Amino acid sequence: MFSPEEQQIEICLLKTNLDEIENDLVVQRSVLPELDAENEEKYRETMTALHVARALNTELEHLKLESMRLTAKRIQLKNQCEDITKSLEKARENRIELENLLKEEERDIELQM
């Protein structure tokens, strides 16, 4: 066993260690609310960023769908324009043919007179 002096020294050492542990705990407790507040703020910022990202993804999907719709409409209009161009070209050809027939008819009439 320990002598009374050694026991006194051991008790003093243990008390000093307990005091240091207590001081460390006090420091940790005083820092915890600050860390909790910081973590809460970071959590709110992260959630806000997540909501913004989701909203942007939703908007992006809507824009993709709108782009697809507009592309289909553009193709439809392009095909209609091509059809109209063909119709106009045919009408021009018919007009030229009719003008030529009219001229021939006028020449025939002049020759018959």
PDB file of N, CA and C in Angstrom:
ATOM      1  N   MET A   1       0.837  -1.184   0.000  1.00  0.00           N
ATOM      2  CA  MET A   1       0.000   0.000   0.000  1.00  0.00           C
ATOM      3  C   MET A   1       0.872   1.234   0.000  1.00  0.00           C
ATOM      4  N   PHE A   2       0.132   2.377  -0.231  1.00  0.00           N
ATOM      5  CA  PHE A   2       0.839   3.657  -0.277  1.00  0.00           C
ATOM      6  C   PHE A   2       0.999   4.213   1.129  1.00  0.00           C
ATOM      7  N   SER A   3       2.036   4.962   1.255  1.00  0.00           N
ATOM      8  CA  SER A   3       2.214   5.682   2.519  1.00  0.00           C
ATOM      9  C   SER A   3       1.267   6.868   2.530  1.00  0.00           C
ATOM     10  N   PRO A   4       0.987   7.456   3.680  1.00  0.00           N
ATOM     11  CA  PRO A   4       0.071   8.594   3.720  1.00  0.00           C
ATOM     12  C   PRO A   4       0.549   9.746   2.845  1.00  0.00           C
ATOM     13  N   GLU A   5       1.821   9.979   2.750  1.00  0.00           N
ATOM     14  CA  GLU A   5       2.329  11.059   1.902  1.00  0.00           C
ATOM     15  C   GLU A   5       2.073  10.738   0.423  1.00  0.00           C
ATOM     16  N   GLU A   6       2.313   9.491   0.071  1.00  0.00           N
ATOM     17  CA  GLU A   6       2.080   9.081  -1.312  1.00  0.00           C
ATOM     18  C   GLU A   6       0.593   9.157  -1.655  1.00  0.00           C
ATOM     19  N   GLN A   7      -0.232   8.788  -0.666  1.00  0.00           N
ATOM     20  CA  GLN A   7      -1.675   8.888  -0.879  1.00  0.00           C
ATOM     21  C   GLN A   7      -2.079  10.350  -1.081  1.00  0.00           C
ATOM     22  N   GLN A   8      -1.489  11.252  -0.283  1.00  0.00           N
ATOM     23  CA  GLN A   8      -1.775  12.680  -0.421  1.00  0.00           C
ATOM     24  C   GLN A   8      -1.366  13.167  -1.813  1.00  0.00           C
ATOM     25  N   ILE A   9      -0.196  12.749  -2.265  1.00  0.00           N
ATOM     26  CA  ILE A   9       0.299  13.165  -3.594  1.00  0.00           C
ATOM     27  C   ILE A   9      -0.620  12.603  -4.680  1.00  0.00           C
ATOM     28  N   GLU A  10      -1.003  11.340  -4.513  1.00  0.00           N
ATOM     29  CA  GLU A  10      -1.894  10.717  -5.495  1.00  0.00           C
ATOM     30  C   GLU A  10      -3.234  11.434  -5.550  1.00  0.00           C
ATOM     31  N   ILE A  11      -3.758  11.789  -4.380  1.00  0.00           N
ATOM     32  CA  ILE A  11      -5.030  12.516  -4.316  1.00  0.00           C
ATOM     33  C   ILE A  11      -4.896  13.873  -4.982  1.00  0.00           C
ATOM     34  N   CYS A  12      -3.783  14.559  -4.738  1.00  0.00           N
ATOM     35  CA  CYS A  12      -3.563  15.873  -5.366  1.00  0.00           C
ATOM     36  C   CYS A  12      -3.467  15.740  -6.878  1.00  0.00           C
ATOM     37  N   LEU A  13      -2.766  14.715  -7.340  1.00  0.00           N
ATOM     38  CA  LEU A  13      -2.647  14.495  -8.783  1.00  0.00           C
ATOM     39  C   LEU A  13      -4.019  14.188  -9.407  1.00  0.00           C
ATOM     40  N   LEU A  14      -4.796  13.332  -8.750  1.00  0.00           N
ATOM     41  CA  LEU A  14      -6.129  13.014  -9.244  1.00  0.00           C
ATOM     42  C   LEU A  14      -7.021  14.244  -9.258  1.00  0.00           C
ATOM     43  N   LYS A  15      -6.923  15.063  -8.196  1.00  0.00           N
ATOM     44  CA  LYS A  15      -7.727  16.290  -8.138  1.00  0.00           C
ATOM     45  C   LYS A  15      -7.333  17.239  -9.254  1.00  0.00           C
ATOM     46  N   THR A  16      -6.042  17.347  -9.524  1.00  0.00           N
ATOM     47  CA  THR A  16      -5.563  18.208 -10.611  1.00  0.00           C
ATOM     48  C   THR A  16      -6.090  17.691 -11.953  1.00  0.00           C
ATOM     49  N   ASN A  17      -6.041  16.388 -12.158  1.00  0.00           N
ATOM     50  CA  ASN A  17      -6.561  15.800 -13.400  1.00  0.00           C
ATOM     51  C   ASN A  17      -8.061  16.055 -13.543  1.00  0.00           C
ATOM     52  N   LEU A  18      -8.790  15.900 -12.433  1.00  0.00           N
ATOM     53  CA  LEU A  18     -10.234  16.178 -12.473  1.00  0.00           C
ATOM     54  C   LEU A  18     -10.507  17.639 -12.789  1.00  0.00           C
ATOM     55  N   ASP A  19      -9.720  18.540 -12.220  1.00  0.00           N
ATOM     56  CA  ASP A  19      -9.884  19.971 -12.507  1.00  0.00           C
ATOM     57  C   ASP A  19      -9.634  20.255 -13.996  1.00  0.00           C
ATOM     58  N   GLU A  20      -8.601  19.615 -14.565  1.00  0.00           N
ATOM     59  CA  GLU A  20      -8.308  19.812 -15.991  1.00  0.00           C
ATOM     60  C   GLU A  20      -9.448  19.265 -16.858  1.00  0.00           C
ATOM     61  N   ILE A  21      -9.963  18.090 -16.484  1.00  0.00           N
ATOM     62  CA  ILE A  21     -11.083  17.501 -17.223  1.00  0.00           C
ATOM     63  C   ILE A  21     -12.303  18.412 -17.141  1.00  0.00           C
ATOM     64  N   GLU A  22     -12.558  18.942 -15.939  1.00  0.00           N
ATOM     65  CA  GLU A  22     -13.693  19.858 -15.762  1.00  0.00           C
ATOM     66  C   GLU A  22     -13.516  21.098 -16.628  1.00  0.00           C
ATOM     67  N   ASN A  23     -12.317  21.661 -16.633  1.00  0.00           N
ATOM     68  CA  ASN A  23     -12.056  22.849 -17.459  1.00  0.00           C
ATOM     69  C   ASN A  23     -12.263  22.548 -18.941  1.00  0.00           C
ATOM     70  N   ASP A  24     -11.788  21.379 -19.373  1.00  0.00           N
ATOM     71  CA  ASP A  24     -11.990  20.990 -20.775  1.00  0.00           C
ATOM     72  C   ASP A  24     -13.472  20.861 -21.104  1.00  0.00           C
ATOM     73  N   LEU A  25     -14.243  20.272 -20.202  1.00  0.00           N
ATOM     74  CA  LEU A  25     -15.684  20.129 -20.411  1.00  0.00           C
ATOM     75  C   LEU A  25     -16.382  21.484 -20.464  1.00  0.00           C
ATOM     76  N   VAL A  26     -15.962  22.407 -19.604  1.00  0.00           N
ATOM     77  CA  VAL A  26     -16.550  23.747 -19.611  1.00  0.00           C
ATOM     78  C   VAL A  26     -16.269  24.432 -20.945  1.00  0.00           C
ATOM     79  N   VAL A  27     -15.046  24.296 -21.426  1.00  0.00           N
ATOM     80  CA  VAL A  27     -14.688  24.902 -22.717  1.00  0.00           C
ATOM     81  C   VAL A  27     -15.518  24.273 -23.831  1.00  0.00           C
ATOM     82  N   GLN A  28     -15.641  22.945 -23.801  1.00  0.00           N
ATOM     83  CA  GLN A  28     -16.427  22.274 -24.841  1.00  0.00           C
ATOM     84  C   GLN A  28     -17.887  22.696 -24.797  1.00  0.00           C
ATOM     85  N   ARG A  29     -18.448  22.795 -23.596  1.00  0.00           N
ATOM     86  CA  ARG A  29     -19.854  23.211 -23.473  1.00  0.00           C
ATOM     87  C   ARG A  29     -20.057  24.632 -23.970  1.00  0.00           C
ATOM     88  N   SER A  30     -19.091  25.493 -23.745  1.00  0.00           N
ATOM     89  CA  SER A  30     -19.254  26.885 -24.183  1.00  0.00           C
ATOM     90  C   SER A  30     -19.143  26.993 -25.703  1.00  0.00           C
ATOM     91  N   VAL A  31     -18.410  26.076 -26.326  1.00  0.00           N
ATOM     92  CA  VAL A  31     -18.243  26.090 -27.783  1.00  0.00           C
ATOM     93  C   VAL A  31     -19.420  25.408 -28.475  1.00  0.00           C
ATOM     94  N   LEU A  32     -20.054  24.430 -27.846  1.00  0.00           N
ATOM     95  CA  LEU A  32     -21.130  23.662 -28.475  1.00  0.00           C
ATOM     96  C   LEU A  32     -22.286  24.516 -28.982  1.00  0.00           C
ATOM     97  N   PRO A  33     -22.816  25.468 -28.209  1.00  0.00           N
ATOM     98  CA  PRO A  33     -23.917  26.273 -28.763  1.00  0.00           C
ATOM     99  C   PRO A  33     -23.506  27.036 -30.015  1.00  0.00           C
ATOM    100  N   GLU A  34     -22.290  27.529 -30.043  1.00  0.00           N
ATOM    101  CA  GLU A  34     -21.806  28.249 -31.223  1.00  0.00           C
ATOM    102  C   GLU A  34     -21.723  27.302 -32.417  1.00  0.00           C
ATOM    103  N   LEU A  35     -21.200  26.092 -32.177  1.00  0.00           N
ATOM    104  CA  LEU A  35     -21.122  25.106 -33.256  1.00  0.00           C
ATOM    105  C   LEU A  35     -22.522  24.686 -33.704  1.00  0.00           C
ATOM    106  N   ASP A  36     -23.434  24.497 -32.743  1.00  0.00           N
ATOM    107  CA  ASP A  36     -24.808  24.143 -33.095  1.00  0.00           C
ATOM    108  C   ASP A  36     -25.453  25.223 -33.954  1.00  0.00           C
ATOM    109  N   ALA A  37     -25.248  26.480 -33.586  1.00  0.00           N
ATOM    110  CA  ALA A  37     -25.812  27.587 -34.370  1.00  0.00           C
ATOM    111  C   ALA A  37     -25.196  27.612 -35.770  1.00  0.00           C
ATOM    112  N   GLU A  38     -23.891  27.391 -35.840  1.00  0.00           N
ATOM    113  CA  GLU A  38     -23.218  27.384 -37.140  1.00  0.00           C
ATOM    114  C   GLU A  38     -23.714  26.215 -37.991  1.00  0.00           C
ATOM    115  N   ASN A  39     -23.841  25.051 -37.363  1.00  0.00           N
ATOM    116  CA  ASN A  39     -24.359  23.885 -38.093  1.00  0.00           C
ATOM    117  C   ASN A  39     -25.790  24.121 -38.563  1.00  0.00           C
ATOM    118  N   GLU A  40     -26.610  24.725 -37.714  1.00  0.00           N
ATOM    119  CA  GLU A  40     -27.995  25.034 -38.098  1.00  0.00           C
ATOM    120  C   GLU A  40     -28.023  25.986 -39.285  1.00  0.00           C
ATOM    121  N   GLU A  41     -27.163  26.990 -39.274  1.00  0.00           N
ATOM    122  CA  GLU A  41     -27.093  27.949 -40.388  1.00  0.00           C
ATOM    123  C   GLU A  41     -26.635  27.253 -41.670  1.00  0.00           C
ATOM    124  N   LYS A  42     -25.614  26.406 -41.552  1.00  0.00           N
ATOM    125  CA  LYS A  42     -25.134  25.663 -42.725  1.00  0.00           C
ATOM    126  C   LYS A  42     -26.233  24.734 -43.250  1.00  0.00           C
ATOM    127  N   TYR A  43     -26.984  24.122 -42.347  1.00  0.00           N
ATOM    128  CA  TYR A  43     -28.092  23.250 -42.748  1.00  0.00           C
ATOM    129  C   TYR A  43     -29.136  24.051 -43.522  1.00  0.00           C
ATOM    130  N   ARG A  44     -29.504  25.230 -42.983  1.00  0.00           N
ATOM    131  CA  ARG A  44     -30.486  26.069 -43.685  1.00  0.00           C
ATOM    132  C   ARG A  44     -29.970  26.488 -45.059  1.00  0.00           C
ATOM    133  N   GLU A  45     -28.696  26.870 -45.132  1.00  0.00           N
ATOM    134  CA  GLU A  45     -28.106  27.265 -46.417  1.00  0.00           C
ATOM    135  C   GLU A  45     -28.133  26.093 -47.406  1.00  0.00           C
ATOM    136  N   THR A  46     -27.808  24.903 -46.900  1.00  0.00           N
ATOM    137  CA  THR A  46     -27.803  23.719 -47.760  1.00  0.00           C
ATOM    138  C   THR A  46     -29.209  23.410 -48.260  1.00  0.00           C
ATOM    139  N   MET A  47     -30.188  23.492 -47.369  1.00  0.00           N
ATOM    140  CA  MET A  47     -31.568  23.224 -47.774  1.00  0.00           C
ATOM    141  C   MET A  47     -32.053  24.269 -48.779  1.00  0.00           C
ATOM    142  N   THR A  48     -31.692  25.519 -48.564  1.00  0.00           N
ATOM    143  CA  THR A  48     -32.067  26.575 -49.515  1.00  0.00           C
ATOM    144  C   THR A  48     -31.444  26.298 -50.877  1.00  0.00           C
ATOM    145  N   ALA A  49     -30.163  25.944 -50.875  1.00  0.00           N
ATOM    146  CA  ALA A  49     -29.480  25.626 -52.137  1.00  0.00           C
ATOM    147  C   ALA A  49     -30.135  24.423 -52.808  1.00  0.00           C
ATOM    148  N   LEU A  50     -30.539  23.446 -52.015  1.00  0.00           N
ATOM    149  CA  LEU A  50     -31.204  22.263 -52.565  1.00  0.00           C
ATOM    150  C   LEU A  50     -32.546  22.632 -53.188  1.00  0.00           C
ATOM    151  N   HIS A  51     -33.310  23.482 -52.520  1.00  0.00           N
ATOM    152  CA  HIS A  51     -34.598  23.920 -53.078  1.00  0.00           C
ATOM    153  C   HIS A  51     -34.388  24.685 -54.382  1.00  0.00           C
ATOM    154  N   VAL A  52     -33.376  25.544 -54.397  1.00  0.00           N
ATOM    155  CA  VAL A  52     -33.080  26.307 -55.617  1.00  0.00           C
ATOM    156  C   VAL A  52     -32.679  25.355 -56.739  1.00  0.00           C
ATOM    157  N   ALA A  53     -31.830  24.386 -56.413  1.00  0.00           N
ATOM    158  CA  ALA A  53     -31.387  23.426 -57.440  1.00  0.00           C
ATOM    159  C   ALA A  53     -32.570  22.622 -57.986  1.00  0.00           C
ATOM    160  N   ARG A  54     -33.475  22.204 -57.090  1.00  0.00           N
ATOM    161  CA  ARG A  54     -34.657  21.464 -57.555  1.00  0.00           C
ATOM    162  C   ARG A  54     -35.542  22.334 -58.434  1.00  0.00           C
ATOM    163  N   ALA A  55     -35.722  23.590 -58.032  1.00  0.00           N
ATOM    164  CA  ALA A  55     -36.541  24.501 -58.839  1.00  0.00           C
ATOM    165  C   ALA A  55     -35.905  24.706 -60.213  1.00  0.00           C
ATOM    166  N   LEU A  56     -34.579  24.861 -60.235  1.00  0.00           N
ATOM    167  CA  LEU A  56     -33.884  25.043 -61.509  1.00  0.00           C
ATOM    168  C   LEU A  56     -33.988  23.789 -62.378  1.00  0.00           C
ATOM    169  N   ASN A  57     -33.901  22.612 -61.767  1.00  0.00           N
ATOM    170  CA  ASN A  57     -34.050  21.369 -62.524  1.00  0.00           C
ATOM    171  C   ASN A  57     -35.450  21.254 -63.110  1.00  0.00           C
ATOM    172  N   THR A  58     -36.451  21.623 -62.319  1.00  0.00           N
ATOM    173  CA  THR A  58     -37.828  21.594 -62.813  1.00  0.00           C
ATOM    174  C   THR A  58     -37.987  22.560 -63.979  1.00  0.00           C
ATOM    175  N   GLU A  59     -37.452  23.765 -63.821  1.00  0.00           N
ATOM    176  CA  GLU A  59     -37.529  24.765 -64.898  1.00  0.00           C
ATOM    177  C   GLU A  59     -36.789  24.267 -66.138  1.00  0.00           C
ATOM    178  N   LEU A  60     -35.646  23.630 -65.928  1.00  0.00           N
ATOM    179  CA  LEU A  60     -34.878  23.087 -67.048  1.00  0.00           C
ATOM    180  C   LEU A  60     -35.688  22.030 -67.788  1.00  0.00           C
ATOM    181  N   GLU A  61     -36.374  21.169 -67.061  1.00  0.00           N
ATOM    182  CA  GLU A  61     -37.216  20.154 -67.701  1.00  0.00           C
ATOM    183  C   GLU A  61     -38.342  20.807 -68.503  1.00  0.00           C
ATOM    184  N   HIS A  62     -38.950  21.849 -67.923  1.00  0.00           N
ATOM    185  CA  HIS A  62     -40.004  22.563 -68.657  1.00  0.00           C
ATOM    186  C   HIS A  62     -39.441  23.195 -69.927  1.00  0.00           C
ATOM    187  N   LEU A  63     -38.252  23.771 -69.819  1.00  0.00           N
ATOM    188  CA  LEU A  63     -37.637  24.399 -70.987  1.00  0.00           C
ATOM    189  C   LEU A  63     -37.275  23.360 -72.052  1.00  0.00           C
ATOM    190  N   LYS A  64     -36.832  22.178 -71.621  1.00  0.00           N
ATOM    191  CA  LYS A  64     -36.531  21.119 -72.586  1.00  0.00           C
ATOM    192  C   LYS A  64     -37.795  20.708 -73.327  1.00  0.00           C
ATOM    193  N   LEU A  65     -38.890  20.533 -72.564  1.00  0.00           N
ATOM    194  CA  LEU A  65     -40.159  20.165 -73.200  1.00  0.00           C
ATOM    195  C   LEU A  65     -40.623  21.250 -74.162  1.00  0.00           C
ATOM    196  N   GLU A  66     -40.488  22.513 -73.742  1.00  0.00           N
ATOM    197  CA  GLU A  66     -40.875  23.631 -74.612  1.00  0.00           C
ATOM    198  C   GLU A  66     -40.007  23.648 -75.865  1.00  0.00           C
ATOM    199  N   SER A  67     -38.721  23.375 -75.694  1.00  0.00           N
ATOM    200  CA  SER A  67     -37.812  23.334 -76.835  1.00  0.00           C
ATOM    201  C   SER A  67     -38.216  22.223 -77.806  1.00  0.00           C
ATOM    202  N   MET A  68     -38.568  21.067 -77.271  1.00  0.00           N
ATOM    203  CA  MET A  68     -39.008  19.970 -78.133  1.00  0.00           C
ATOM    204  C   MET A  68     -40.290  20.346 -78.869  1.00  0.00           C
ATOM    205  N   ARG A  69     -41.218  20.994 -78.148  1.00  0.00           N
ATOM    206  CA  ARG A  69     -42.468  21.412 -78.774  1.00  0.00           C
ATOM    207  C   ARG A  69     -42.197  22.422 -79.891  1.00  0.00           C
ATOM    208  N   LEU A  70     -41.306  23.378 -79.608  1.00  0.00           N
ATOM    209  CA  LEU A  70     -40.986  24.389 -80.617  1.00  0.00           C
ATOM    210  C   LEU A  70     -40.251  23.788 -81.812  1.00  0.00           C
ATOM    211  N   THR A  71     -39.406  22.792 -81.556  1.00  0.00           N
ATOM    212  CA  THR A  71     -38.703  22.123 -82.650  1.00  0.00           C
ATOM    213  C   THR A  71     -39.706  21.398 -83.548  1.00  0.00           C
ATOM    214  N   ALA A  72     -40.667  20.723 -82.934  1.00  0.00           N
ATOM    215  CA  ALA A  72     -41.702  20.037 -83.722  1.00  0.00           C
ATOM    216  C   ALA A  72     -42.510  21.049 -84.526  1.00  0.00           C
ATOM    217  N   LYS A  73     -42.849  22.183 -83.913  1.00  0.00           N
ATOM    218  CA  LYS A  73     -43.609  23.229 -84.611  1.00  0.00           C
ATOM    219  C   LYS A  73     -42.788  23.796 -85.764  1.00  0.00           C
ATOM    220  N   ARG A  74     -41.476  24.003 -85.524  1.00  0.00           N
ATOM    221  CA  ARG A  74     -40.604  24.528 -86.583  1.00  0.00           C
ATOM    222  C   ARG A  74     -40.557  23.560 -87.756  1.00  0.00           C
ATOM    223  N   ILE A  75     -40.453  22.261 -87.481  1.00  0.00           N
ATOM    224  CA  ILE A  75     -40.430  21.255 -88.555  1.00  0.00           C
ATOM    225  C   ILE A  75     -41.753  21.267 -89.312  1.00  0.00           C
ATOM    226  N   GLN A  76     -42.852  21.388 -88.570  1.00  0.00           N
ATOM    227  CA  GLN A  76     -44.168  21.449 -89.210  1.00  0.00           C
ATOM    228  C   GLN A  76     -44.261  22.677 -90.118  1.00  0.00           C
ATOM    229  N   LEU A  77     -43.823  23.830 -89.612  1.00  0.00           N
ATOM    230  CA  LEU A  77     -43.871  25.054 -90.418  1.00  0.00           C
ATOM    231  C   LEU A  77     -42.945  24.967 -91.626  1.00  0.00           C
ATOM    232  N   LYS A  78     -41.779  24.337 -91.436  1.00  0.00           N
ATOM    233  CA  LYS A  78     -40.845  24.165 -92.546  1.00  0.00           C
ATOM    234  C   LYS A  78     -41.490  23.324 -93.641  1.00  0.00           C
ATOM    235  N   ASN A  79     -42.152  22.237 -93.232  1.00  0.00           N
ATOM    236  CA  ASN A  79     -42.827  21.377 -94.226  1.00  0.00           C
ATOM    237  C   ASN A  79     -43.952  22.133 -94.937  1.00  0.00           C
ATOM    238  N   GLN A  80     -44.695  22.937 -94.171  1.00  0.00           N
ATOM    239  CA  GLN A  80     -45.762  23.739 -94.786  1.00  0.00           C
ATOM    240  C   GLN A  80     -45.171  24.741 -95.775  1.00  0.00           C
ATOM    241  N   CYS A  81     -44.058  25.359 -95.409  1.00  0.00           N
ATOM    242  CA  CYS A  81     -43.407  26.316 -96.321  1.00  0.00           C
ATOM    243  C   CYS A  81     -42.945  25.631 -97.598  1.00  0.00           C
ATOM    244  N   GLU A  82     -42.384  24.427 -97.436  1.00  0.00           N
ATOM    245  CA  GLU A  82     -41.955  23.681 -98.621  1.00  0.00           C
ATOM    246  C   GLU A  82     -43.147  23.349 -99.510  1.00  0.00           C
ATOM    247  N   ASP A  83     -44.257  22.965 -98.897  1.00  0.00           N
ATOM    248  CA  ASP A  83     -45.470  22.667 -99.674  1.00  0.00           C
ATOM    249  C   ASP A  83     -45.965  23.915-100.389  1.00  0.00           C
ATOM    250  N   ILE A  84     -45.979  25.041 -99.690  1.00  0.00           N
ATOM    251  CA  ILE A  84     -46.424  26.304-100.298  1.00  0.00           C
ATOM    252  C   ILE A  84     -45.489  26.707-101.429  1.00  0.00           C
ATOM    253  N   THR A  85     -44.182  26.532-101.215  1.00  0.00           N
ATOM    254  CA  THR A  85     -43.208  26.865-102.268  1.00  0.00           C
ATOM    255  C   THR A  85     -43.456  26.016-103.510  1.00  0.00           C
ATOM    256  N   LYS A  86     -43.711  24.724-103.300  1.00  0.00           N
ATOM    257  CA  LYS A  86     -44.009  23.840-104.439  1.00  0.00           C
ATOM    258  C   LYS A  86     -45.292  24.280-105.144  1.00  0.00           C
ATOM    259  N   SER A  87     -46.298  24.647-104.348  1.00  0.00           N
ATOM    260  CA  SER A  87     -47.569  25.101-104.932  1.00  0.00           C
ATOM    261  C   SER A  87     -47.365  26.390-105.722  1.00  0.00           C
ATOM    262  N   LEU A  88     -46.581  27.305-105.177  1.00  0.00           N
ATOM    263  CA  LEU A  88     -46.302  28.554-105.889  1.00  0.00           C
ATOM    264  C   LEU A  88     -45.551  28.294-107.191  1.00  0.00           C
ATOM    265  N   GLU A  89     -44.573  27.401-107.135  1.00  0.00           N
ATOM    266  CA  GLU A  89     -43.816  27.079-108.345  1.00  0.00           C
ATOM    267  C   GLU A  89     -44.732  26.458-109.395  1.00  0.00           C
ATOM    268  N   LYS A  90     -45.625  25.586-108.979  1.00  0.00           N
ATOM    269  CA  LYS A  90     -46.574  24.971-109.914  1.00  0.00           C
ATOM    270  C   LYS A  90     -47.513  26.040-110.480  1.00  0.00           C
ATOM    271  N   ALA A  91     -47.962  26.965-109.614  1.00  0.00           N
ATOM    272  CA  ALA A  91     -48.843  28.042-110.082  1.00  0.00           C
ATOM    273  C   ALA A  91     -48.111  28.920-111.097  1.00  0.00           C
ATOM    274  N   ARG A  92     -46.844  29.210-110.848  1.00  0.00           N
ATOM    275  CA  ARG A  92     -46.059  30.008-111.808  1.00  0.00           C
ATOM    276  C   ARG A  92     -45.937  29.277-113.146  1.00  0.00           C
ATOM    277  N   GLU A  93     -45.638  27.988-113.042  1.00  0.00           N
ATOM    278  CA  GLU A  93     -45.532  27.200-114.281  1.00  0.00           C
ATOM    279  C   GLU A  93     -46.852  27.217-115.039  1.00  0.00           C
ATOM    280  N   ASN A  94     -47.962  27.052-114.320  1.00  0.00           N
ATOM    281  CA  ASN A  94     -49.283  27.089-114.962  1.00  0.00           C
ATOM    282  C   ASN A  94     -49.549  28.453-115.583  1.00  0.00           C
ATOM    283  N   ARG A  95     -49.195  29.523-114.852  1.00  0.00           N
ATOM    284  CA  ARG A  95     -49.409  30.868-115.384  1.00  0.00           C
ATOM    285  C   ARG A  95     -48.604  31.079-116.662  1.00  0.00           C
ATOM    286  N   ILE A  96     -47.331  30.637-116.641  1.00  0.00           N
ATOM    287  CA  ILE A  96     -46.488  30.786-117.824  1.00  0.00           C
ATOM    288  C   ILE A  96     -47.079  29.983-118.984  1.00  0.00           C
ATOM    289  N   GLU A  97     -47.522  28.773-118.681  1.00  0.00           N
ATOM    290  CA  GLU A  97     -48.128  27.944-119.717  1.00  0.00           C
ATOM    291  C   GLU A  97     -49.394  28.604-120.274  1.00  0.00           C
ATOM    292  N   LEU A  98     -50.231  29.161-119.364  1.00  0.00           N
ATOM    293  CA  LEU A  98     -51.444  29.844-119.812  1.00  0.00           C
ATOM    294  C   LEU A  98     -51.119  31.088-120.633  1.00  0.00           C
ATOM    295  N   GLU A  99     -50.094  31.836-120.220  1.00  0.00           N
ATOM    296  CA  GLU A  99     -49.692  33.022-120.985  1.00  0.00           C
ATOM    297  C   GLU A  99     -49.225  32.621-122.381  1.00  0.00           C
ATOM    298  N   ASN A 100     -48.458  31.535-122.428  1.00  0.00           N
ATOM    299  CA  ASN A 100     -47.990  31.059-123.735  1.00  0.00           C
ATOM    300  C   ASN A 100     -49.164  30.608-124.609  1.00  0.00           C
ATOM    301  N   LEU A 101     -50.109  29.899-124.008  1.00  0.00           N
ATOM    302  CA  LEU A 101     -51.291  29.480-124.760  1.00  0.00           C
ATOM    303  C   LEU A 101     -52.090  30.694-125.242  1.00  0.00           C
ATOM    304  N   LEU A 102     -52.204  31.698-124.368  1.00  0.00           N
ATOM    305  CA  LEU A 102     -52.926  32.919-124.738  1.00  0.00           C
ATOM    306  C   LEU A 102     -52.233  33.616-125.901  1.00  0.00           C
ATOM    307  N   LYS A 103     -50.921  33.691-125.853  1.00  0.00           N
ATOM    308  CA  LYS A 103     -50.173  34.323-126.944  1.00  0.00           C
ATOM    309  C   LYS A 103     -50.358  33.552-128.247  1.00  0.00           C
ATOM    310  N   GLU A 104     -50.303  32.240-128.148  1.00  0.00           N
ATOM    311  CA  GLU A 104     -50.523  31.418-129.350  1.00  0.00           C
ATOM    312  C   GLU A 104     -51.928  31.645-129.892  1.00  0.00           C
ATOM    313  N   GLU A 105     -52.885  31.713-128.956  1.00  0.00           N
ATOM    314  CA  GLU A 105     -54.275  31.947-129.371  1.00  0.00           C
ATOM    315  C   GLU A 105     -54.391  33.306-130.049  1.00  0.00           C
ATOM    316  N   GLU A 106     -53.742  34.313-129.489  1.00  0.00           N
ATOM    317  CA  GLU A 106     -53.804  35.656-130.094  1.00  0.00           C
ATOM    318  C   GLU A 106     -53.139  35.656-131.470  1.00  0.00           C
ATOM    319  N   ARG A 107     -52.030  34.941-131.596  1.00  0.00           N
ATOM    320  CA  ARG A 107     -51.369  34.874-132.913  1.00  0.00           C
ATOM    321  C   ARG A 107     -52.242  34.155-133.941  1.00  0.00           C
ATOM    322  N   ASP A 108     -52.883  33.104-133.468  1.00  0.00           N
ATOM    323  CA  ASP A 108     -53.784  32.361-134.377  1.00  0.00           C
ATOM    324  C   ASP A 108     -54.926  33.258-134.817  1.00  0.00           C
ATOM    325  N   ILE A 109     -55.459  34.025-133.861  1.00  0.00           N
ATOM    326  CA  ILE A 109     -56.571  34.917-134.227  1.00  0.00           C
ATOM    327  C   ILE A 109     -56.096  35.979-135.198  1.00  0.00           C
ATOM    328  N   GLU A 110     -54.888  36.542-134.972  1.00  0.00           N
ATOM    329  CA  GLU A 110     -54.351  37.565-135.867  1.00  0.00           C
ATOM    330  C   GLU A 110     -54.115  36.987-137.271  1.00  0.00           C
ATOM    331  N   LEU A 111     -53.624  35.747-137.288  1.00  0.00           N
ATOM    332  CA  LEU A 111     -53.380  35.117-138.583  1.00  0.00           C
ATOM    333  C   LEU A 111     -54.689  34.834-139.323  1.00  0.00           C
ATOM    334  N   GLN A 112     -55.725  34.513-138.581  1.00  0.00           N
ATOM    335  CA  GLN A 112     -56.996  34.239-139.218  1.00  0.00           C
ATOM    336  C   GLN A 112     -57.649  35.537-139.706  1.00  0.00           C
ATOM    337  N   MET A 113     -57.306  36.626-139.168  1.00  0.00           N
ATOM    338  CA  MET A 113     -57.912  37.883-139.610  1.00  0.00           C
ATOM    339  C   MET A 113     -57.234  38.342-140.846  1.00  0.00           C
TER     340      MET A 113
END
